C-alpha atoms as a PDB file:
ATOM      1  CA  MET A   1       0.178  -0.173  -0.011  1.00  0.00           C
ATOM      2  CA  THR A   2       1.024   3.604  -0.785  1.00  0.00           C
ATOM      3  CA  ALA A   3      -0.012   6.397   1.137  1.00  0.00           C
ATOM      4  CA  VAL A   4      -1.399   9.535  -1.034  1.00  0.00           C
ATOM      5  CA  ARG A   5      -2.408  12.884   0.309  1.00  0.00           C
ATOM      6  CA  VAL A   6      -4.314  15.517  -1.413  1.00  0.00           C
ATOM      7  CA  GLY A   7      -5.329  18.864  -0.098  1.00  0.00           C
ATOM      8  CA  MET A   8      -6.931  21.802  -1.367  1.00  0.00           C
ATOM      9  CA  THR A   9      -7.299  25.580  -0.023  1.00  0.00           C
ATOM     10  CA  LEU A  10     -10.358  27.850  -1.320  1.00  0.00           C
ATOM     11  CA  THR A  11     -10.504  31.565  -0.244  1.00  0.00           C
ATOM     12  CA  GLN A  12     -13.655  33.651  -1.127  1.00  0.00           C
ATOM     13  CA  ASN A  13     -13.214  37.306  -1.057  1.00  0.00           C
ATOM     14  CA  LEU A  14     -16.120  38.526   1.500  1.00  0.00           C
ATOM     15  CA  GLY A  15     -15.689  42.442   0.645  1.00  0.00           C
ATOM     16  CA  ASN A  16     -14.510  44.980   2.621  1.00  0.00           C
ATOM     17  CA  PHE A  17     -10.928  43.683   2.635  1.00  0.00           C
ATOM     18  CA  GLU A  18     -12.181  40.540   4.279  1.00  0.00           C
ATOM     19  CA  SER A  19     -12.265  36.991   3.061  1.00  0.00           C
ATOM     20  CA  ILE A  20     -12.570  33.482   4.373  1.00  0.00           C
ATOM     21  CA  LYS A  21     -10.458  30.468   3.757  1.00  0.00           C
ATOM     22  CA  ILE A  22     -11.313  26.805   4.030  1.00  0.00           C
ATOM     23  CA  ASP A  23      -8.623  23.842   3.836  1.00  0.00           C
ATOM     24  CA  VAL A  24      -9.410  20.454   3.276  1.00  0.00           C
ATOM     25  CA  THR A  25      -6.471  17.818   3.275  1.00  0.00           C
ATOM     26  CA  VAL A  26      -7.352  13.786   3.209  1.00  0.00           C
ATOM     27  CA  GLU A  27      -4.635  11.107   3.198  1.00  0.00           C
ATOM     28  CA  ALA A  28      -5.587   7.941   2.218  1.00  0.00           C
ATOM     29  CA  ASP A  29      -4.035   4.272   1.393  1.00  0.00           C
ATOM     30  CA  THR A  30      -4.249   3.136  -1.984  1.00  0.00           C
ATOM     31  CA  LYS A  31      -6.912  -0.161  -2.184  1.00  0.00           C
ATOM     32  CA  PRO A  32      -5.446  -3.333  -3.248  1.00  0.00           C
ATOM     33  CA  ASN A  33      -4.400  -3.294  -7.246  1.00  0.00           C
ATOM     34  CA  GLU A  34      -5.210   0.606  -7.332  1.00  0.00           C
ATOM     35  CA  THR A  35      -2.383   2.800  -8.737  1.00  0.00           C
ATOM     36  CA  ALA A  36      -1.057   5.945  -6.231  1.00  0.00           C
ATOM     37  CA  ALA A  37      -2.383   8.012  -9.320  1.00  0.00           C
ATOM     38  CA  ALA A  38      -5.677   6.334  -9.145  1.00  0.00           C
ATOM     39  CA  ALA A  39      -5.881   7.063  -5.392  1.00  0.00           C
ATOM     40  CA  ILE A  40      -4.836  10.744  -5.921  1.00  0.00           C
ATOM     41  CA  ASP A  41      -7.964  10.999  -8.657  1.00  0.00           C
ATOM     42  CA  ARG A  42     -10.359   9.319  -5.935  1.00  0.00           C
ATOM     43  CA  VAL A  43      -9.068  11.385  -3.082  1.00  0.00           C
ATOM     44  CA  HIS A  44      -9.104  14.657  -4.915  1.00  0.00           C
ATOM     45  CA  GLY A  45     -12.814  13.947  -5.792  1.00  0.00           C
ATOM     46  CA  LEU A  46     -13.697  13.637  -2.045  1.00  0.00           C
ATOM     47  CA  VAL A  47     -11.623  16.466  -0.943  1.00  0.00           C
ATOM     48  CA  GLU A  48     -13.320  18.849  -3.564  1.00  0.00           C
ATOM     49  CA  ALA A  49     -16.339  18.021  -2.720  1.00  0.00           C
ATOM     50  CA  LYS A  50     -15.912  18.483   0.952  1.00  0.00           C
ATOM     51  CA  LEU A  51     -14.307  22.066   0.216  1.00  0.00           C
ATOM     52  CA  GLU A  52     -17.095  23.159  -1.693  1.00  0.00           C
ATOM     53  CA  GLU A  53     -19.617  21.803   1.182  1.00  0.00           C
ATOM     54  CA  LYS A  54     -17.496  23.731   4.086  1.00  0.00           C
ATOM     55  CA  MET A  55     -17.577  26.657   1.915  1.00  0.00           C
ATOM     56  CA  LYS A  56     -20.889  27.020   1.643  1.00  0.00           C
ATOM     57  CA  LYS A  57     -21.578  26.410   5.069  1.00  0.00           C
ATOM     58  CA  ALA A  58     -19.313  28.795   6.211  1.00  0.00           C
ATOM     59  CA  LEU A  59     -21.022  31.604   3.880  1.00  0.00           C
ATOM     60  CA  GLU A  60     -24.509  30.397   5.159  1.00  0.00           C
ATOM     61  CA  ASP A  61     -23.305  30.905   8.575  1.00  0.00           C
ATOM     62  CA  LEU A  62     -21.807  34.347   8.355  1.00  0.00           C
ATOM     63  CA  LYS A  63     -25.042  35.509   6.637  1.00  0.00           C
ATOM     64  CA  GLY A  64     -26.626  34.320   9.620  1.00  0.00           C
END
């Protein structure tokens, strides 16, 4: 097994010289017979989805 790590950061401008930054990083092992590249693609999809979900939630929380 090989460990892969994928991280992404999203920064959203809130205006008035304010911004919010969300960071999501996931580390996972390759599955049996899975290449590291395939595992990175699999984990990347998860990270991207979670990042969008977390940013949406944070923006909703800020609006009240």
